[in-house]
PDB file of all heavy atoms in Angstrom:
ATOM      1  N   ALA A   1       0.671   1.205   0.498  1.00  0.00           N
ATOM      2  CA  ALA A   1      -0.087   2.235  -0.140  1.00  0.00           C
ATOM      3  C   ALA A   1      -1.431   2.431   0.605  1.00  0.00           C
ATOM      4  O   ALA A   1      -2.031   1.586   1.128  1.00  0.00           O
ATOM      5  CB  ALA A   1      -0.453   1.798  -1.604  1.00  0.00           C
ATOM      6  N   SER A   2      -1.925   3.725   0.500  1.00  0.00           N
ATOM      7  CA  SER A   2      -3.224   4.067   1.058  1.00  0.00           C
ATOM      8  C   SER A   2      -3.715   5.328   0.361  1.00  0.00           C
ATOM      9  O   SER A   2      -3.004   6.182  -0.117  1.00  0.00           O
ATOM     10  CB  SER A   2      -3.079   4.398   2.570  1.00  0.00           C
ATOM     11  OG  SER A   2      -4.311   4.801   3.167  1.00  0.00           O
ATOM     12  N   THR A   3      -5.071   5.290   0.263  1.00  0.00           N
ATOM     13  CA  THR A   3      -5.725   6.575  -0.290  1.00  0.00           C
ATOM     14  C   THR A   3      -5.774   7.707   0.755  1.00  0.00           C
ATOM     15  O   THR A   3      -6.104   8.780   0.408  1.00  0.00           O
ATOM     16  CB  THR A   3      -7.171   6.220  -0.686  1.00  0.00           C
ATOM     17  OG1 THR A   3      -7.830   5.661   0.428  1.00  0.00           O
ATOM     18  CG2 THR A   3      -7.166   5.280  -1.906  1.00  0.00           C
ATOM     19  N   GLU A   4      -5.460   7.387   1.999  1.00  0.00           N
ATOM     20  CA  GLU A   4      -5.531   8.355   3.106  1.00  0.00           C
ATOM     21  C   GLU A   4      -4.165   8.953   3.460  1.00  0.00           C
ATOM     22  O   GLU A   4      -3.625   8.859   4.544  1.00  0.00           O
ATOM     23  CB  GLU A   4      -6.059   7.710   4.332  1.00  0.00           C
ATOM     24  CG  GLU A   4      -7.369   6.980   4.047  1.00  0.00           C
ATOM     25  CD  GLU A   4      -8.507   7.716   3.496  1.00  0.00           C
ATOM     26  OE1 GLU A   4      -8.748   8.853   4.153  1.00  0.00           O
ATOM     27  OE2 GLU A   4      -9.054   7.369   2.546  1.00  0.00           O
ATOM     28  N   GLY A   5      -3.530   9.605   2.456  1.00  0.00           N
ATOM     29  CA  GLY A   5      -2.236  10.225   2.694  1.00  0.00           C
ATOM     30  C   GLY A   5      -2.344  11.544   3.452  1.00  0.00           C
ATOM     31  O   GLY A   5      -3.427  12.100   3.639  1.00  0.00           O
ATOM     32  N   GLY A   6      -1.188  12.114   3.770  1.00  0.00           N
ATOM     33  CA  GLY A   6      -1.149  13.381   4.462  1.00  0.00           C
ATOM     34  C   GLY A   6      -0.671  13.327   5.826  1.00  0.00           C
ATOM     35  O   GLY A   6      -0.076  12.382   6.303  1.00  0.00           O
ATOM     36  N   MET A   7      -0.976  14.351   6.651  1.00  0.00           N
ATOM     37  CA  MET A   7      -0.413  14.491   7.962  1.00  0.00           C
ATOM     38  C   MET A   7      -0.925  13.454   9.007  1.00  0.00           C
ATOM     39  O   MET A   7      -0.322  13.283  10.049  1.00  0.00           O
ATOM     40  CB  MET A   7      -0.559  15.972   8.504  1.00  0.00           C
ATOM     41  CG  MET A   7       0.207  16.913   7.739  1.00  0.00           C
ATOM     42  SD  MET A   7       0.356  18.562   8.599  1.00  0.00           S
ATOM     43  CE  MET A   7      -1.395  19.042   8.580  1.00  0.00           C
ATOM     44  N   ASP A   8      -2.050  12.855   8.702  1.00  0.00           N
ATOM     45  CA  ASP A   8      -2.729  12.026   9.688  1.00  0.00           C
ATOM     46  C   ASP A   8      -2.476  10.506   9.410  1.00  0.00           C
ATOM     47  O   ASP A   8      -3.273   9.684   9.859  1.00  0.00           O
ATOM     48  CB  ASP A   8      -4.221  12.284   9.736  1.00  0.00           C
ATOM     49  CG  ASP A   8      -4.401  13.734  10.330  1.00  0.00           C
ATOM     50  OD1 ASP A   8      -3.743  14.121  11.298  1.00  0.00           O
ATOM     51  OD2 ASP A   8      -5.319  14.423   9.808  1.00  0.00           O
ATOM     52  N   ILE A   9      -1.458  10.158   8.591  1.00  0.00           N
ATOM     53  CA  ILE A   9      -1.297   8.764   8.253  1.00  0.00           C
ATOM     54  C   ILE A   9      -1.107   7.792   9.497  1.00  0.00           C
ATOM     55  O   ILE A   9      -1.523   6.666   9.480  1.00  0.00           O
ATOM     56  CB  ILE A   9      -0.101   8.607   7.264  1.00  0.00           C
ATOM     57  CG1 ILE A   9      -0.078   7.154   6.693  1.00  0.00           C
ATOM     58  CG2 ILE A   9       1.234   9.025   7.950  1.00  0.00           C
ATOM     59  CD1 ILE A   9      -1.209   6.783   5.903  1.00  0.00           C
ATOM     60  N   GLU A  10      -0.426   8.405  10.543  1.00  0.00           N
ATOM     61  CA  GLU A  10      -0.290   7.553  11.777  1.00  0.00           C
ATOM     62  C   GLU A  10      -1.639   7.155  12.305  1.00  0.00           C
ATOM     63  O   GLU A  10      -1.850   6.047  12.806  1.00  0.00           O
ATOM     64  CB  GLU A  10       0.570   8.247  12.826  1.00  0.00           C
ATOM     65  CG  GLU A  10       2.056   8.346  12.438  1.00  0.00           C
ATOM     66  CD  GLU A  10       2.327   9.558  11.554  1.00  0.00           C
ATOM     67  OE1 GLU A  10       1.392  10.347  11.189  1.00  0.00           O
ATOM     68  OE2 GLU A  10       3.495   9.765  11.202  1.00  0.00           O
ATOM     69  N   ALA A  11      -2.531   8.204  12.294  1.00  0.00           N
ATOM     70  CA  ALA A  11      -3.872   7.901  12.880  1.00  0.00           C
ATOM     71  C   ALA A  11      -4.614   6.865  11.940  1.00  0.00           C
ATOM     72  O   ALA A  11      -5.325   5.985  12.495  1.00  0.00           O
ATOM     73  CB  ALA A  11      -4.717   9.200  12.960  1.00  0.00           C
ATOM     74  N   VAL A  12      -4.426   6.950  10.675  1.00  0.00           N
ATOM     75  CA  VAL A  12      -4.976   5.970   9.716  1.00  0.00           C
ATOM     76  C   VAL A  12      -4.514   4.574  10.086  1.00  0.00           C
ATOM     77  O   VAL A  12      -5.280   3.620  10.178  1.00  0.00           O
ATOM     78  CB  VAL A  12      -4.705   6.341   8.334  1.00  0.00           C
ATOM     79  CG1 VAL A  12      -5.225   5.263   7.361  1.00  0.00           C
ATOM     80  CG2 VAL A  12      -5.346   7.662   8.006  1.00  0.00           C
ATOM     81  N   ALA A  13      -3.178   4.446  10.279  1.00  0.00           N
ATOM     82  CA  ALA A  13      -2.658   3.181  10.577  1.00  0.00           C
ATOM     83  C   ALA A  13      -3.178   2.591  11.870  1.00  0.00           C
ATOM     84  O   ALA A  13      -3.397   1.300  11.983  1.00  0.00           O
ATOM     85  CB  ALA A  13      -1.136   3.206  10.688  1.00  0.00           C
ATOM     86  N   HIS A  14      -3.430   3.442  12.839  1.00  0.00           N
ATOM     87  CA  HIS A  14      -3.951   2.992  14.114  1.00  0.00           C
ATOM     88  C   HIS A  14      -5.452   2.716  14.133  1.00  0.00           C
ATOM     89  O   HIS A  14      -5.874   1.679  14.662  1.00  0.00           O
ATOM     90  CB  HIS A  14      -3.652   4.017  15.227  1.00  0.00           C
ATOM     91  CG  HIS A  14      -4.055   3.655  16.575  1.00  0.00           C
ATOM     92  ND1 HIS A  14      -5.306   3.946  17.098  1.00  0.00           N
ATOM     93  CD2 HIS A  14      -3.392   2.974  17.544  1.00  0.00           C
ATOM     94  CE1 HIS A  14      -5.389   3.482  18.341  1.00  0.00           C
ATOM     95  NE2 HIS A  14      -4.266   2.892  18.613  1.00  0.00           N
ATOM     96  N   ASP A  15      -6.180   3.595  13.517  1.00  0.00           N
ATOM     97  CA  ASP A  15      -7.639   3.485  13.672  1.00  0.00           C
ATOM     98  C   ASP A  15      -8.288   2.689  12.544  1.00  0.00           C
ATOM     99  O   ASP A  15      -9.315   2.020  12.744  1.00  0.00           O
ATOM    100  CB  ASP A  15      -8.275   4.955  13.663  1.00  0.00           C
ATOM    101  CG  ASP A  15      -7.781   5.747  14.796  1.00  0.00           C
ATOM    102  OD1 ASP A  15      -7.442   5.122  15.856  1.00  0.00           O
ATOM    103  OD2 ASP A  15      -7.734   6.970  14.673  1.00  0.00           O
ATOM    104  N   THR A  16      -7.754   2.794  11.286  1.00  0.00           N
ATOM    105  CA  THR A  16      -8.399   2.078  10.175  1.00  0.00           C
ATOM    106  C   THR A  16      -7.307   1.407   9.353  1.00  0.00           C
ATOM    107  O   THR A  16      -7.049   1.748   8.212  1.00  0.00           O
ATOM    108  CB  THR A  16      -9.155   3.103   9.240  1.00  0.00           C
ATOM    109  OG1 THR A  16      -8.266   4.193   8.922  1.00  0.00           O
ATOM    110  CG2 THR A  16     -10.439   3.628   9.924  1.00  0.00           C
ATOM    111  N   PRO A  17      -6.624   0.409   9.890  1.00  0.00           N
ATOM    112  CA  PRO A  17      -5.511  -0.246   9.234  1.00  0.00           C
ATOM    113  C   PRO A  17      -5.923  -0.920   7.955  1.00  0.00           C
ATOM    114  O   PRO A  17      -5.108  -1.187   7.056  1.00  0.00           O
ATOM    115  CB  PRO A  17      -5.061  -1.345  10.227  1.00  0.00           C
ATOM    116  CG  PRO A  17      -6.176  -1.555  11.181  1.00  0.00           C
ATOM    117  CD  PRO A  17      -6.833  -0.156  11.232  1.00  0.00           C
ATOM    118  N   GLU A  18      -7.285  -1.247   7.746  1.00  0.00           N
ATOM    119  CA  GLU A  18      -7.740  -1.836   6.569  1.00  0.00           C
ATOM    120  C   GLU A  18      -7.618  -0.886   5.338  1.00  0.00           C
ATOM    121  O   GLU A  18      -7.597  -1.394   4.200  1.00  0.00           O
ATOM    122  CB  GLU A  18      -9.214  -2.252   6.703  1.00  0.00           C
ATOM    123  CG  GLU A  18     -10.269  -1.169   6.800  1.00  0.00           C
ATOM    124  CD  GLU A  18     -10.380  -0.617   8.207  1.00  0.00           C
ATOM    125  OE1 GLU A  18      -9.579  -1.007   9.131  1.00  0.00           O
ATOM    126  OE2 GLU A  18     -11.218   0.272   8.367  1.00  0.00           O
ATOM    127  N   LYS A  19      -7.428   0.397   5.581  1.00  0.00           N
ATOM    128  CA  LYS A  19      -7.245   1.369   4.471  1.00  0.00           C
ATOM    129  C   LYS A  19      -5.788   1.384   3.987  1.00  0.00           C
ATOM    130  O   LYS A  19      -5.484   2.155   3.077  1.00  0.00           O
ATOM    131  CB  LYS A  19      -7.629   2.715   4.924  1.00  0.00           C
ATOM    132  CG  LYS A  19      -9.141   2.813   5.187  1.00  0.00           C
ATOM    133  CD  LYS A  19      -9.519   4.246   5.539  1.00  0.00           C
ATOM    134  CE  LYS A  19     -11.057   4.396   5.715  1.00  0.00           C
ATOM    135  NZ  LYS A  19     -11.454   5.784   6.088  1.00  0.00           N
ATOM    136  N   ILE A  20      -4.900   0.511   4.563  1.00  0.00           N
ATOM    137  CA  ILE A  20      -3.504   0.517   4.134  1.00  0.00           C
ATOM    138  C   ILE A  20      -3.227  -0.945   3.543  1.00  0.00           C
ATOM    139  O   ILE A  20      -3.513  -1.839   4.220  1.00  0.00           O
ATOM    140  CB  ILE A  20      -2.551   0.738   5.259  1.00  0.00           C
ATOM    141  CG1 ILE A  20      -2.746   2.159   5.826  1.00  0.00           C
ATOM    142  CG2 ILE A  20      -1.139   0.588   4.808  1.00  0.00           C
ATOM    143  CD1 ILE A  20      -1.980   2.533   7.069  1.00  0.00           C
ATOM    144  N   ILE A  21      -2.739  -1.019   2.295  1.00  0.00           N
ATOM    145  CA  ILE A  21      -2.458  -2.287   1.695  1.00  0.00           C
ATOM    146  C   ILE A  21      -0.962  -2.448   1.491  1.00  0.00           C
ATOM    147  O   ILE A  21      -0.203  -1.454   1.340  1.00  0.00           O
ATOM    148  CB  ILE A  21      -3.227  -2.474   0.370  1.00  0.00           C
ATOM    149  CG1 ILE A  21      -2.579  -1.589  -0.730  1.00  0.00           C
ATOM    150  CG2 ILE A  21      -4.725  -2.224   0.571  1.00  0.00           C
ATOM    151  CD1 ILE A  21      -1.877  -2.331  -1.696  1.00  0.00           C
ATOM    152  N   THR A  22      -0.533  -3.673   1.564  1.00  0.00           N
ATOM    153  CA  THR A  22       0.877  -4.024   1.391  1.00  0.00           C
ATOM    154  C   THR A  22       1.057  -4.929   0.195  1.00  0.00           C
ATOM    155  O   THR A  22       0.289  -5.987   0.111  1.00  0.00           O
ATOM    156  CB  THR A  22       1.547  -4.607   2.641  1.00  0.00           C
ATOM    157  OG1 THR A  22       1.375  -3.753   3.748  1.00  0.00           O
ATOM    158  CG2 THR A  22       2.941  -5.052   2.444  1.00  0.00           C
ATOM    159  N   LEU A  23       1.934  -4.673  -0.713  1.00  0.00           N
ATOM    160  CA  LEU A  23       2.128  -5.488  -1.883  1.00  0.00           C
ATOM    161  C   LEU A  23       3.613  -5.903  -2.017  1.00  0.00           C
ATOM    162  O   LEU A  23       4.460  -4.999  -2.324  1.00  0.00           O
ATOM    163  CB  LEU A  23       1.628  -4.744  -3.131  1.00  0.00           C
ATOM    164  CG  LEU A  23       1.877  -5.487  -4.494  1.00  0.00           C
ATOM    165  CD1 LEU A  23       0.977  -6.692  -4.558  1.00  0.00           C
ATOM    166  CD2 LEU A  23       1.644  -4.513  -5.689  1.00  0.00           C
ATOM    167  N   SER A  24       3.953  -7.131  -1.767  1.00  0.00           N
ATOM    168  CA  SER A  24       5.314  -7.557  -1.902  1.00  0.00           C
ATOM    169  C   SER A  24       5.646  -7.824  -3.384  1.00  0.00           C
ATOM    170  O   SER A  24       4.800  -8.312  -4.115  1.00  0.00           O
ATOM    171  CB  SER A  24       5.527  -8.851  -1.113  1.00  0.00           C
ATOM    172  OG  SER A  24       5.506  -8.577   0.237  1.00  0.00           O
ATOM    173  N   ILE A  25       6.927  -7.505  -3.771  1.00  0.00           N
ATOM    174  CA  ILE A  25       7.365  -7.593  -5.166  1.00  0.00           C
ATOM    175  C   ILE A  25       8.323  -8.808  -5.312  1.00  0.00           C
ATOM    176  O   ILE A  25       9.250  -8.933  -4.571  1.00  0.00           O
ATOM    177  CB  ILE A  25       8.043  -6.289  -5.640  1.00  0.00           C
ATOM    178  CG1 ILE A  25       7.123  -5.099  -5.436  1.00  0.00           C
ATOM    179  CG2 ILE A  25       8.471  -6.452  -7.041  1.00  0.00           C
ATOM    180  CD1 ILE A  25       5.790  -5.228  -6.200  1.00  0.00           C
ATOM    181  N   ASP A  26       8.036  -9.628  -6.294  1.00  0.00           N
ATOM    182  CA  ASP A  26       8.876 -10.756  -6.663  1.00  0.00           C
ATOM    183  C   ASP A  26      10.223 -10.194  -7.163  1.00  0.00           C
ATOM    184  O   ASP A  26      10.226  -9.506  -8.205  1.00  0.00           O
ATOM    185  CB  ASP A  26       8.240 -11.695  -7.698  1.00  0.00           C
ATOM    186  CG  ASP A  26       9.037 -12.906  -8.034  1.00  0.00           C
ATOM    187  OD1 ASP A  26      10.292 -12.865  -7.731  1.00  0.00           O
ATOM    188  OD2 ASP A  26       8.472 -13.830  -8.612  1.00  0.00           O
ATOM    189  N   PRO A  27      11.373 -10.463  -6.488  1.00  0.00           N
ATOM    190  CA  PRO A  27      12.605  -9.860  -6.907  1.00  0.00           C
ATOM    191  C   PRO A  27      13.084 -10.327  -8.359  1.00  0.00           C
ATOM    192  O   PRO A  27      13.821  -9.611  -9.049  1.00  0.00           O
ATOM    193  CB  PRO A  27      13.610 -10.270  -5.866  1.00  0.00           C
ATOM    194  CG  PRO A  27      13.000 -11.472  -5.242  1.00  0.00           C
ATOM    195  CD  PRO A  27      11.592 -11.250  -5.330  1.00  0.00           C
ATOM    196  N   GLU A  28      12.646 -11.497  -8.802  1.00  0.00           N
ATOM    197  CA  GLU A  28      12.995 -11.964 -10.092  1.00  0.00           C
ATOM    198  C   GLU A  28      12.202 -11.319 -11.119  1.00  0.00           C
ATOM    199  O   GLU A  28      12.724 -10.980 -12.287  1.00  0.00           O
ATOM    200  CB  GLU A  28      12.758 -13.472 -10.166  1.00  0.00           C
ATOM    201  CG  GLU A  28      13.805 -14.230  -9.310  1.00  0.00           C
ATOM    202  CD  GLU A  28      13.731 -15.730  -9.545  1.00  0.00           C
ATOM    203  OE1 GLU A  28      12.813 -16.206 -10.258  1.00  0.00           O
ATOM    204  OE2 GLU A  28      14.527 -16.517  -9.005  1.00  0.00           O
ATOM    205  N   ALA A  29      10.954 -11.007 -10.850  1.00  0.00           N
ATOM    206  CA  ALA A  29      10.009 -10.493 -11.912  1.00  0.00           C
ATOM    207  C   ALA A  29      10.087  -8.923 -11.889  1.00  0.00           C
ATOM    208  O   ALA A  29       9.796  -8.278 -12.887  1.00  0.00           O
ATOM    209  CB  ALA A  29       8.600 -10.903 -11.723  1.00  0.00           C
ATOM    210  N   GLY A  30      10.360  -8.383 -10.692  1.00  0.00           N
ATOM    211  CA  GLY A  30      10.282  -6.875 -10.558  1.00  0.00           C
ATOM    212  C   GLY A  30       8.763  -6.469 -10.515  1.00  0.00           C
ATOM    213  O   GLY A  30       7.944  -7.294 -10.264  1.00  0.00           O
ATOM    214  N   VAL A  31       8.553  -5.221 -10.732  1.00  0.00           N
ATOM    215  CA  VAL A  31       7.181  -4.675 -10.720  1.00  0.00           C
ATOM    216  C   VAL A  31       6.514  -5.054 -12.087  1.00  0.00           C
ATOM    217  O   VAL A  31       6.838  -4.512 -13.095  1.00  0.00           O
ATOM    218  CB  VAL A  31       7.129  -3.131 -10.514  1.00  0.00           C
ATOM    219  CG1 VAL A  31       5.685  -2.656 -10.571  1.00  0.00           C
ATOM    220  CG2 VAL A  31       7.737  -2.810  -9.170  1.00  0.00           C
ATOM    221  N   THR A  32       5.525  -5.970 -11.962  1.00  0.00           N
ATOM    222  CA  THR A  32       4.886  -6.466 -13.214  1.00  0.00           C
ATOM    223  C   THR A  32       3.602  -5.568 -13.541  1.00  0.00           C
ATOM    224  O   THR A  32       3.132  -4.848 -12.679  1.00  0.00           O
ATOM    225  CB  THR A  32       4.394  -7.896 -12.949  1.00  0.00           C
ATOM    226  OG1 THR A  32       3.390  -7.933 -11.924  1.00  0.00           O
ATOM    227  CG2 THR A  32       5.560  -8.797 -12.576  1.00  0.00           C
ATOM    228  N   PRO A  33       3.057  -5.724 -14.710  1.00  0.00           N
ATOM    229  CA  PRO A  33       1.790  -5.002 -15.011  1.00  0.00           C
ATOM    230  C   PRO A  33       0.704  -5.290 -14.008  1.00  0.00           C
ATOM    231  O   PRO A  33      -0.159  -4.421 -13.679  1.00  0.00           O
ATOM    232  CB  PRO A  33       1.425  -5.507 -16.424  1.00  0.00           C
ATOM    233  CG  PRO A  33       2.766  -5.827 -17.025  1.00  0.00           C
ATOM    234  CD  PRO A  33       3.624  -6.378 -15.951  1.00  0.00           C
ATOM    235  N   ALA A  34       0.708  -6.580 -13.501  1.00  0.00           N
ATOM    236  CA  ALA A  34      -0.278  -6.914 -12.464  1.00  0.00           C
ATOM    237  C   ALA A  34      -0.105  -6.106 -11.202  1.00  0.00           C
ATOM    238  O   ALA A  34      -1.044  -5.717 -10.546  1.00  0.00           O
ATOM    239  CB  ALA A  34      -0.288  -8.418 -12.219  1.00  0.00           C
ATOM    240  N   ASP A  35       1.234  -5.936 -10.833  1.00  0.00           N
ATOM    241  CA  ASP A  35       1.514  -5.144  -9.610  1.00  0.00           C
ATOM    242  C   ASP A  35       1.047  -3.664  -9.848  1.00  0.00           C
ATOM    243  O   ASP A  35       0.524  -3.054  -8.932  1.00  0.00           O
ATOM    244  CB  ASP A  35       2.994  -5.174  -9.399  1.00  0.00           C
ATOM    245  CG  ASP A  35       3.493  -6.579  -8.975  1.00  0.00           C
ATOM    246  OD1 ASP A  35       2.692  -7.303  -8.382  1.00  0.00           O
ATOM    247  OD2 ASP A  35       4.610  -6.951  -9.291  1.00  0.00           O
ATOM    248  N   VAL A  36       1.315  -3.192 -10.967  1.00  0.00           N
ATOM    249  CA  VAL A  36       0.882  -1.811 -11.326  1.00  0.00           C
ATOM    250  C   VAL A  36      -0.605  -1.628 -11.199  1.00  0.00           C
ATOM    251  O   VAL A  36      -1.060  -0.710 -10.614  1.00  0.00           O
ATOM    252  CB  VAL A  36       1.434  -1.367 -12.685  1.00  0.00           C
ATOM    253  CG1 VAL A  36       0.789   0.029 -13.106  1.00  0.00           C
ATOM    254  CG2 VAL A  36       2.943  -1.308 -12.773  1.00  0.00           C
ATOM    255  N   ALA A  37      -1.337  -2.595 -11.753  1.00  0.00           N
ATOM    256  CA  ALA A  37      -2.778  -2.579 -11.712  1.00  0.00           C
ATOM    257  C   ALA A  37      -3.277  -2.670 -10.317  1.00  0.00           C
ATOM    258  O   ALA A  37      -4.202  -1.962  -9.915  1.00  0.00           O
ATOM    259  CB  ALA A  37      -3.376  -3.746 -12.499  1.00  0.00           C
ATOM    260  N   ALA A  38      -2.619  -3.453  -9.456  1.00  0.00           N
ATOM    261  CA  ALA A  38      -3.011  -3.596  -8.058  1.00  0.00           C
ATOM    262  C   ALA A  38      -2.788  -2.311  -7.341  1.00  0.00           C
ATOM    263  O   ALA A  38      -3.636  -1.834  -6.499  1.00  0.00           O
ATOM    264  CB  ALA A  38      -2.254  -4.695  -7.375  1.00  0.00           C
TER     265      ALA A  38
END
């Protein structure tokens, strides 16, 4: 996920990777309220 969506996402990934976050989901729990909040 990133707040910097649109046509320049590749540039965001290259220049400001800190603006992109990754959240792995526990397959047993699925998407929890904590995941939604994150």
